[in-house]
Protein backbone atom coordinates (compact mmCIF):
# COMPACT_ATOMS: atom_id res chain seq x y z
CA MET A 1 108.54 117.47 73.48
CA GLN A 2 111.95 115.89 73.78
CA ILE A 3 112.82 113.11 76.22
CA VAL A 4 116.03 113.96 78.03
CA ASP A 5 116.08 110.80 80.15
CA ARG A 6 113.73 107.82 80.52
CA MET A 7 114.11 105.32 83.34
CA GLU A 8 111.97 102.38 84.40
CA ASN A 9 111.76 102.14 88.17
CA LYS A 10 110.48 98.61 88.74
CA LEU A 11 110.67 98.89 92.51
CA LEU A 12 108.07 101.70 92.52
CA ASN A 13 106.25 100.41 89.41
CA ARG A 14 106.68 103.62 87.43
CA ILE A 15 108.42 105.13 84.44
CA GLU A 16 110.33 108.35 85.14
CA ILE A 17 110.65 110.77 82.23
CA LYS A 18 112.75 113.93 82.24
CA PHE A 19 111.61 116.13 79.39
CA SER A 20 112.16 119.47 77.70
CA ILE A 21 109.67 121.42 75.62
CA ARG A 22 110.52 124.26 73.25
CA HIS A 23 107.58 126.63 72.84
CA ASN A 24 108.75 129.37 70.48
CA GLY A 25 106.11 132.06 70.04
CA LYS A 26 103.68 130.26 72.34
CA ALA A 27 102.71 130.53 75.97
CA THR A 28 104.24 128.30 78.62
CA PRO A 29 102.46 124.93 78.42
CA SER A 30 99.98 124.22 81.20
CA ARG A 31 100.22 121.16 83.40
CA LYS A 32 97.33 119.62 81.43
CA ASP A 33 99.17 120.22 78.13
CA VAL A 34 102.27 118.54 79.56
CA MET A 35 100.19 115.58 80.74
CA ASP A 36 98.74 115.19 77.23
CA LEU A 37 102.23 115.27 75.70
CA VAL A 38 103.49 112.67 78.18
CA LYS A 39 100.52 110.48 77.28
CA THR A 40 101.61 110.56 73.63
CA LEU A 41 105.13 109.46 74.63
CA GLU A 42 103.81 106.35 76.39
CA PRO A 43 100.73 105.27 74.41
CA LYS A 44 99.84 102.36 76.72
CA SER A 45 99.80 104.56 79.82
CA ASN A 46 96.62 105.47 81.69
CA PRO A 47 96.17 109.27 82.00
CA GLU A 48 94.84 108.71 85.54
CA HIS A 49 98.27 107.38 86.55
CA ILE A 50 100.39 110.25 85.19
CA VAL A 51 101.96 112.65 87.68
CA ILE A 52 103.83 115.79 86.64
CA LYS A 53 106.31 116.13 89.49
CA TYR A 54 107.64 119.54 88.49
CA THR A 55 108.15 121.90 85.56
CA ASN A 56 110.61 124.75 85.22
CA THR A 57 110.52 127.49 82.58
CA ARG A 58 113.65 129.56 81.96
CA PHE A 59 113.22 133.32 82.14
CA GLY A 60 113.58 134.84 78.68
CA GLN A 61 113.78 131.46 76.97
CA PRO A 62 111.01 129.44 75.35
CA LEU A 63 112.19 126.28 77.14
CA THR A 64 110.37 124.29 79.81
CA THR A 65 111.93 121.27 81.50
CA GLY A 66 110.41 118.89 83.99
CA LEU A 67 109.88 115.45 85.40
CA ALA A 68 106.87 113.16 84.90
CA TYR A 69 106.03 109.83 86.50
CA ILE A 70 103.81 107.25 84.83
CA TYR A 71 102.62 104.69 87.36
CA GLY A 72 101.48 101.18 86.54
CA ASP A 73 98.47 101.24 88.88
CA VAL A 74 96.68 103.29 91.53
CA ASP A 75 98.25 101.41 94.46
CA SER A 76 101.73 102.38 93.26
CA MET A 77 100.74 106.07 93.35
CA LYS A 78 100.41 105.96 97.15
CA VAL A 79 104.10 106.85 97.49
CA GLU A 80 103.32 110.37 96.26
CA PRO A 81 102.64 113.02 98.93
CA ASP A 82 99.12 114.35 99.48
CA TYR A 83 99.85 117.73 97.88
CA ILE A 84 100.74 115.99 94.61
CA HIS A 85 97.42 114.12 94.63
CA LYS A 86 95.54 117.36 95.37
CA ARG A 87 97.39 119.14 92.56
CA HIS A 88 96.22 116.52 90.05
CA GLU A 89 92.63 116.20 91.36
CA VAL A 90 91.54 118.96 88.98
CA PHE A 91 92.53 116.89 85.94
CA ARG A 92 90.99 113.70 87.28
CA ALA A 93 87.79 115.41 88.50
CA ALA A 94 87.17 116.84 85.03
CA LYS A 95 86.81 113.30 83.69
CA ALA A 96 84.66 112.17 86.62
CA GLU A 97 82.08 114.99 86.33
CA PRO A 98 80.26 113.67 83.22
CA ALA A 99 79.55 110.39 85.02
CA ALA A 100 78.07 112.30 87.95
CA ALA A 101 75.91 114.34 85.57
CA GLU A 102 74.34 111.18 84.16
CA GLU A 103 72.82 110.21 87.52
CA PRO A 104 69.09 110.90 87.75
CA ALA A 105 68.04 113.79 89.92
CA LYS A 106 66.94 112.72 93.36
CA THR A 107 63.60 113.99 94.53
CA GLU A 108 62.61 114.20 98.10
CA GLY A 109 59.56 112.20 99.00
CA GLY A 110 56.64 113.92 100.60
CA ASP A 111 53.26 112.91 101.96
CA GLU A 112 51.95 111.20 98.91
């Protein structure tokens, strides 16, 4: 992954990264793969606060470009539209499921 442009937007409490990825002989990277690569670019960032705004793959070329936002906190992410939050729920729900699995099974009480 190569950073084309990196800008700190202090007003919105986020870092904006324009990137390009060359994937010769490989499939187009998934949104999850891109999120993992962005996480490696900003080691102190929380993966829960990363938003991949868009990606674009050129036809016939192993090149994908895009824009990622890394927010400082959850409150700052409220500027994003609902469809962006829904798009990223899949990645955040995958981490939340193990915690839900640890809860003890509830049993319904009867006439005991």
